[in-house]
Amino acid sequence: MFDFLEGYDVLGAFWMTVKLTALSAVGSLIWGTLLAAMRVSPVPLLRGFGTAYVNIVRNIPLTVIILFCSLGLADVFGVTLGSDDFKIQGFRLAVLGLIAYTAAFVCEALRSGINTVPLGQAEAARAIGLNFSQTLRLIVLPQAFRSVIGPLANVLIALTKNTTVAAAIGVAEAAYLMKTMIENEAQTLLIGAVFAFGFVVLTLPTGLILGWLGKRLAVKR
């Protein structure tokens, strides 16, 4: 029944999806945290930049952002991200696009977590001499992260599925291989079922584990 899989590196394609997800998740968490800090910053310029970035980027389709990274940054501006190899360059540009897009949603999730921290704690921190960055880093963000593990898990699951857009610039991840197999094989339904099952295997444990972790680490108010 599954003879049509012979000759195709299905595991390799899903491994590419895992690498895209992992690198983009780390980058999105870092950039999204910085954006969240900007959005609650007392500096108007930083607040304005964070607000503008989130409102603009999350309303642009991911496909447009990925294509801009490939056609705009690479072809027009000559950004190679340290490699002249087309495949490596496409992978890195896809990660950059996924980070730029997903960070906006990470930022909003974190900002909602920051809003759950009682204002009195920040005031107490200022009273003992902590500045804004120290208060955010030592008191506010640790509690914010604990309260938004669930929403961040949803963002990570969405990111895993969004990696399929990287196929638009030739990154050989799961969706790219699925498209190739559908063009070459007659087993369309079975091919779709195999790749759907693969994404379930990737995303379901993530949701269950992070959901359990969110309950264990939830801040008791």
Protein backbone atom coordinates (compact mmCIF):
# COMPACT_ATOMS: atom_id res chain seq x y z
CA MET A 1 0.00 0.00 0.00
CA PHE A 2 2.83 2.38 0.82
CA ASP A 3 5.15 1.40 -2.01
CA PHE A 4 4.79 4.94 -3.40
CA LEU A 5 7.00 6.18 -0.52
CA GLU A 6 10.03 4.40 -1.93
CA GLY A 7 12.55 6.78 -3.41
CA TYR A 8 11.36 9.76 -1.33
CA ASP A 9 13.11 11.01 1.79
CA VAL A 10 10.00 11.59 3.90
CA LEU A 11 11.89 11.49 7.21
CA GLY A 12 14.44 13.96 5.85
CA ALA A 13 11.67 16.33 4.80
CA PHE A 14 10.09 16.22 8.27
CA TRP A 15 13.54 16.68 9.83
CA MET A 16 13.85 19.88 7.79
CA THR A 17 10.46 20.95 9.20
CA VAL A 18 11.70 20.24 12.73
CA LYS A 19 14.85 22.32 12.14
CA LEU A 20 12.82 25.20 10.72
CA THR A 21 10.48 25.05 13.71
CA ALA A 22 13.20 24.81 16.36
CA LEU A 23 15.37 27.63 15.05
CA SER A 24 12.39 29.87 14.32
CA ALA A 25 10.92 29.19 17.76
CA VAL A 26 14.12 30.23 19.54
CA GLY A 27 14.52 33.35 17.41
CA SER A 28 10.84 34.27 17.76
CA LEU A 29 10.99 33.90 21.54
CA ILE A 30 14.02 36.21 21.78
CA TRP A 31 12.72 38.84 19.35
CA GLY A 32 9.15 38.58 20.67
CA THR A 33 10.39 39.14 24.24
CA LEU A 34 12.29 42.25 23.15
CA LEU A 35 9.19 43.52 21.35
CA ALA A 36 7.07 42.92 24.45
CA ALA A 37 9.59 44.88 26.51
CA MET A 38 9.36 47.71 23.99
CA ARG A 39 5.57 47.72 24.13
CA VAL A 40 5.54 48.26 27.89
CA SER A 41 8.59 50.53 27.91
CA PRO A 42 8.34 54.04 29.40
CA VAL A 43 10.21 55.34 26.32
CA PRO A 44 7.64 56.59 23.75
CA LEU A 45 9.89 55.83 20.74
CA LEU A 46 10.32 52.19 21.76
CA ARG A 47 6.62 51.84 22.53
CA GLY A 48 5.74 53.27 19.14
CA PHE A 49 8.15 50.98 17.31
CA GLY A 50 6.88 47.87 19.12
CA THR A 51 3.24 48.75 18.50
CA ALA A 52 3.81 49.58 14.84
CA TYR A 53 5.83 46.40 14.24
CA VAL A 54 3.24 44.09 15.78
CA ASN A 55 0.24 45.73 14.12
CA ILE A 56 1.88 45.76 10.70
CA VAL A 57 3.61 42.36 10.64
CA ARG A 58 0.78 40.25 12.03
CA ASN A 59 -1.58 41.66 9.37
CA ILE A 60 0.73 40.73 6.49
CA PRO A 61 0.32 37.18 5.09
CA LEU A 62 3.27 34.95 5.97
CA THR A 63 3.72 34.01 2.30
CA VAL A 64 4.36 37.68 1.47
CA ILE A 65 6.97 37.95 4.24
CA ILE A 66 8.75 34.76 3.14
CA LEU A 67 8.78 35.88 -0.49
CA PHE A 68 10.06 39.31 0.53
CA CYS A 69 12.94 37.66 2.40
CA SER A 70 13.81 35.63 -0.69
CA LEU A 71 13.08 38.01 -3.55
CA GLY A 72 13.60 41.28 -1.71
CA LEU A 73 16.50 40.67 0.66
CA ALA A 74 18.38 38.09 -1.40
CA ASP A 75 17.70 39.07 -5.02
CA VAL A 76 17.34 42.84 -4.71
CA PHE A 77 19.56 43.76 -1.76
CA GLY A 78 22.00 40.84 -2.05
CA VAL A 79 21.56 39.59 1.51
CA THR A 80 23.04 36.06 1.59
CA LEU A 81 23.19 35.48 5.37
CA GLY A 82 26.70 34.09 5.10
CA SER A 83 26.24 31.52 2.36
CA ASP A 84 26.28 31.44 -1.43
CA ASP A 85 24.67 28.00 -1.54
CA PHE A 86 21.08 28.41 -2.75
CA LYS A 87 19.63 25.71 -0.47
CA ILE A 88 21.36 26.97 2.68
CA GLN A 89 20.49 30.55 1.81
CA GLY A 90 16.82 29.63 1.26
CA PHE A 91 16.70 27.81 4.60
CA ARG A 92 18.18 30.77 6.49
CA LEU A 93 15.92 33.27 4.77
CA ALA A 94 12.89 31.11 5.60
CA VAL A 95 13.93 31.04 9.26
CA LEU A 96 14.34 34.83 9.19
CA GLY A 97 10.86 35.29 7.72
CA LEU A 98 9.28 32.89 10.21
CA ILE A 99 10.98 34.69 13.10
CA ALA A 100 9.86 38.11 11.89
CA TYR A 101 6.26 36.92 11.59
CA THR A 102 5.92 34.69 14.66
CA ALA A 103 7.62 37.17 17.01
CA ALA A 104 4.62 39.48 16.67
CA PHE A 105 2.34 36.80 18.13
CA VAL A 106 4.86 35.88 20.83
CA CYS A 107 4.98 39.56 21.78
CA GLU A 108 1.21 39.81 22.17
CA ALA A 109 1.06 36.61 24.22
CA LEU A 110 3.79 37.90 26.53
CA ARG A 111 2.19 41.33 26.80
CA SER A 112 -1.02 39.69 27.98
CA GLY A 113 1.03 37.82 30.58
CA ILE A 114 2.72 41.03 31.70
CA ASN A 115 -0.70 42.60 32.21
CA THR A 116 -1.60 39.81 34.66
CA VAL A 117 1.25 40.74 37.02
CA PRO A 118 -0.11 42.97 39.82
CA LEU A 119 0.96 46.59 39.45
CA GLY A 120 1.93 46.66 43.11
CA GLN A 121 4.86 44.33 42.45
CA ALA A 122 6.39 46.73 39.93
CA GLU A 123 5.84 49.62 42.33
CA ALA A 124 7.50 47.66 45.13
CA ALA A 125 10.46 46.93 42.84
CA ARG A 126 10.87 50.63 42.08
CA ALA A 127 10.62 51.39 45.78
CA ILE A 128 13.67 49.23 46.54
CA GLY A 129 15.67 50.93 43.78
CA LEU A 130 15.25 48.64 40.75
CA ASN A 131 15.10 50.35 37.37
CA PHE A 132 12.71 49.43 34.57
CA SER A 133 14.89 46.79 32.92
CA GLN A 134 15.70 45.13 36.25
CA THR A 135 12.04 45.08 37.27
CA LEU A 136 11.06 43.58 33.93
CA ARG A 137 13.83 40.97 33.93
CA LEU A 138 13.72 39.87 37.55
CA ILE A 139 10.08 40.25 38.56
CA VAL A 140 7.64 40.78 35.71
CA LEU A 141 8.84 38.54 32.87
CA PRO A 142 9.35 35.36 34.96
CA GLN A 143 5.72 35.54 36.09
CA ALA A 144 4.51 36.54 32.63
CA PHE A 145 6.18 33.51 31.02
CA ARG A 146 4.62 31.16 33.55
CA SER A 147 1.15 32.54 32.89
CA VAL A 148 1.33 32.30 29.08
CA ILE A 149 2.82 28.84 28.51
CA GLY A 150 -0.52 27.74 27.05
CA PRO A 151 -0.79 30.59 24.53
CA LEU A 152 2.90 30.17 23.62
CA ALA A 153 2.23 26.48 22.97
CA ASN A 154 -0.48 27.51 20.50
CA VAL A 155 1.97 29.86 18.80
CA LEU A 156 4.55 27.05 18.55
CA ILE A 157 1.98 24.68 17.03
CA ALA A 158 0.97 27.35 14.52
CA LEU A 159 4.66 27.92 13.73
CA THR A 160 5.13 24.21 12.99
CA LYS A 161 2.30 24.32 10.49
CA ASN A 162 3.45 27.65 9.07
CA THR A 163 6.80 26.12 8.08
CA THR A 164 4.96 24.70 5.05
CA VAL A 165 5.07 28.21 3.55
CA ALA A 166 8.86 27.81 3.19
CA ALA A 167 8.12 25.55 0.23
CA ALA A 168 7.28 28.73 -1.69
CA ILE A 169 11.00 29.59 -1.87
CA GLY A 170 12.20 26.04 -2.51
CA VAL A 171 13.04 24.86 1.01
CA ALA A 172 12.74 21.07 0.89
CA GLU A 173 10.54 20.58 3.96
CA ALA A 174 7.49 18.32 4.30
CA ALA A 175 5.03 20.38 2.23
CA TYR A 176 7.56 20.74 -0.60
CA LEU A 177 8.05 16.97 -0.77
CA MET A 178 4.30 16.37 -0.55
CA LYS A 179 3.74 18.65 -3.55
CA THR A 180 6.43 16.79 -5.50
CA MET A 181 4.94 13.39 -4.62
CA ILE A 182 1.42 14.46 -5.60
CA GLU A 183 2.75 15.59 -8.97
CA ASN A 184 4.56 12.28 -9.55
CA GLU A 185 2.32 9.69 -7.91
CA ALA A 186 -1.32 8.67 -8.23
CA GLN A 187 -1.94 8.05 -4.51
CA THR A 188 -3.12 11.55 -3.66
CA LEU A 189 -5.28 10.61 -0.66
CA LEU A 190 -2.64 8.34 0.87
CA ILE A 191 0.07 10.96 0.39
CA GLY A 192 -2.11 13.56 2.10
CA ALA A 193 -2.86 11.12 4.93
CA VAL A 194 0.83 10.34 5.48
CA PHE A 195 1.83 13.98 5.73
CA ALA A 196 -1.20 14.90 7.84
CA PHE A 197 -0.23 12.11 10.26
CA GLY A 198 3.34 13.40 10.29
CA PHE A 199 2.24 16.88 11.35
CA VAL A 200 -0.04 15.41 14.03
CA VAL A 201 2.96 13.50 15.40
CA LEU A 202 4.94 16.76 15.51
CA THR A 203 2.29 19.01 17.02
CA LEU A 204 0.16 16.84 19.33
CA PRO A 205 2.93 15.95 21.84
CA THR A 206 4.01 19.60 21.88
CA GLY A 207 0.52 20.74 22.84
CA LEU A 208 0.10 18.04 25.49
CA ILE A 209 3.51 18.57 27.10
CA LEU A 210 3.32 22.36 27.17
CA GLY A 211 -0.30 22.23 28.35
CA TRP A 212 0.75 20.03 31.28
CA LEU A 213 3.73 22.28 31.97
CA GLY A 214 1.49 25.34 31.92
CA LYS A 215 -0.74 23.84 34.62
CA ARG A 216 2.24 22.84 36.76
CA LEU A 217 3.92 26.25 36.55
CA ALA A 218 0.80 28.45 36.64
CA VAL A 219 1.13 31.43 38.97
CA LYS A 220 -1.25 31.10 41.90
CA ARG A 221 -2.99 34.41 42.57
